[in-house]
Protein backbone atom coordinates (compact mmCIF):
# COMPACT_ATOMS: atom_id res chain seq x y z
CA MET A 1 -4.20 31.12 98.10
CA SER A 2 -5.51 27.40 99.26
CA GLN A 3 -3.18 24.44 99.99
CA ALA A 4 -3.47 21.80 101.80
CA ALA A 5 -1.05 21.74 104.76
CA SER A 6 2.40 23.02 105.42
CA ALA A 7 5.18 22.94 107.75
CA ARG A 8 8.48 23.48 108.79
CA TYR A 9 11.46 21.54 107.88
CA PRO A 10 14.33 20.42 111.20
CA THR A 11 17.43 21.32 110.20
CA THR A 12 20.88 21.33 111.99
CA ARG A 13 22.49 23.69 109.67
CA GLU A 14 22.42 28.13 110.72
CA LYS A 15 20.26 28.53 107.74
CA HIS A 16 16.97 29.02 107.10
CA ARG A 17 14.88 25.91 107.76
CA PRO A 18 13.13 24.95 104.07
CA ILE A 19 8.80 24.99 103.83
CA ILE A 20 7.04 22.28 103.08
CA VAL A 21 3.68 22.73 101.56
CA LYS A 22 1.49 20.22 100.02
CA PHE A 23 -1.38 22.31 97.92
CA ALA A 24 -4.99 21.71 98.01
CA THR A 25 -4.86 20.74 94.16
CA HIS A 26 -2.16 20.31 91.25
CA LYS A 27 -4.08 23.86 89.55
CA MET A 28 -2.03 25.79 92.15
CA LYS A 29 0.74 23.91 92.61
CA SER A 30 1.64 24.21 88.70
CA THR A 31 0.66 28.07 89.32
CA VAL A 32 2.91 28.36 92.06
CA MET A 33 5.65 26.35 90.12
CA LYS A 34 5.50 28.24 86.88
CA LYS A 35 6.53 31.57 89.07
CA LYS A 36 9.71 30.26 90.55
CA ARG A 37 11.80 31.49 88.28
CA ASP A 38 10.75 35.12 89.78
CA LEU A 39 12.83 34.09 92.95
CA LYS A 40 16.35 33.55 91.22
CA ASP A 41 18.72 35.79 92.99
CA THR A 42 16.66 36.43 96.01
CA GLY A 43 17.27 33.89 98.42
CA TYR A 44 14.65 32.34 97.79
CA GLY A 45 13.51 29.38 95.99
CA LEU A 46 11.53 26.57 94.91
CA VAL A 47 12.38 22.74 94.89
CA GLU A 48 9.61 19.96 93.46
CA ASP A 49 9.65 17.03 95.84
CA LEU A 50 11.40 14.13 92.39
CA THR A 51 12.03 10.58 92.99
CA THR A 52 15.79 10.06 93.75
CA ASP A 53 15.76 8.61 89.37
CA ILE A 54 14.34 11.45 88.54
CA TYR A 55 16.94 13.57 90.53
CA LYS A 56 19.91 11.95 89.27
CA ARG A 57 19.41 12.20 85.71
CA LEU A 58 18.28 15.95 86.60
CA CYS A 59 21.69 16.61 88.16
CA ASP A 60 23.43 14.59 84.76
CA ILE A 61 21.45 16.15 82.18
CA LYS A 62 22.82 20.02 84.20
CA LYS A 63 26.47 18.92 84.23
CA LEU A 64 26.30 18.04 80.12
CA ASP A 65 28.19 21.24 78.65
CA SER A 66 25.62 20.96 75.45
CA ILE A 67 22.61 22.03 77.59
CA GLU A 68 21.94 25.73 78.14
CA ARG A 69 19.20 24.58 80.69
CA CYS A 70 17.46 22.41 82.29
CA TRP A 71 14.92 22.27 84.67
CA SER A 72 11.65 19.82 85.76
CA ILE A 73 8.14 20.60 85.68
CA ASP A 74 5.46 18.05 87.26
CA GLY A 75 8.25 15.46 87.69
CA LYS A 76 9.20 15.49 83.76
CA ILE A 77 12.65 16.79 83.29
CA LYS A 78 13.10 19.53 80.19
CA TYR A 79 15.41 21.10 79.10
CA ILE A 80 17.07 23.73 75.89
CA ASN A 81 20.83 22.63 74.30
CA LYS A 82 23.07 25.19 73.39
CA GLY A 83 22.49 27.50 70.47
CA GLU A 84 18.72 26.61 70.04
CA ARG A 85 15.53 27.51 71.33
CA ALA A 86 13.35 24.49 71.11
CA ILE A 87 12.13 22.60 74.73
CA ASN A 88 13.17 18.87 74.29
CA ILE A 89 11.17 16.68 76.93
CA ILE A 90 12.96 13.86 78.42
CA LYS A 91 10.51 10.40 78.11
CA ASP A 92 12.20 7.77 79.73
CA GLY A 93 16.17 6.78 80.51
CA ARG A 94 16.39 5.91 76.92
CA ASP A 95 16.95 9.32 76.28
CA VAL A 96 18.74 10.71 79.11
CA GLU A 97 21.94 7.28 77.81
CA LYS A 98 21.60 9.59 74.38
CA LEU A 99 22.01 12.88 75.49
CA MET A 100 24.87 11.61 77.79
CA ALA A 101 26.47 9.45 74.81
CA GLY A 102 25.98 13.11 72.81
CA GLU A 103 23.30 11.91 70.59
């Protein structure tokens, strides 16, 4: 695997320190991030570095009862409504407002 740089993130907690990885290519990052679901229930995980605004939107959407799953890929928020199979994409703040209003 090709990566540009990696570093341990300092922490004061007793838990394992996160590792920050900067990939050499976007394709490699996408390949690795698509595999993050395979780490479920292992105690390990991959987290995409999101802007504060996108992270807040993602958290708000995850709290909605009408949402089955919600995740981000390349800074884009995607979600599936309960009882549906279609993947929806948040394009802008108005989409979040509509979702929060129950439309």
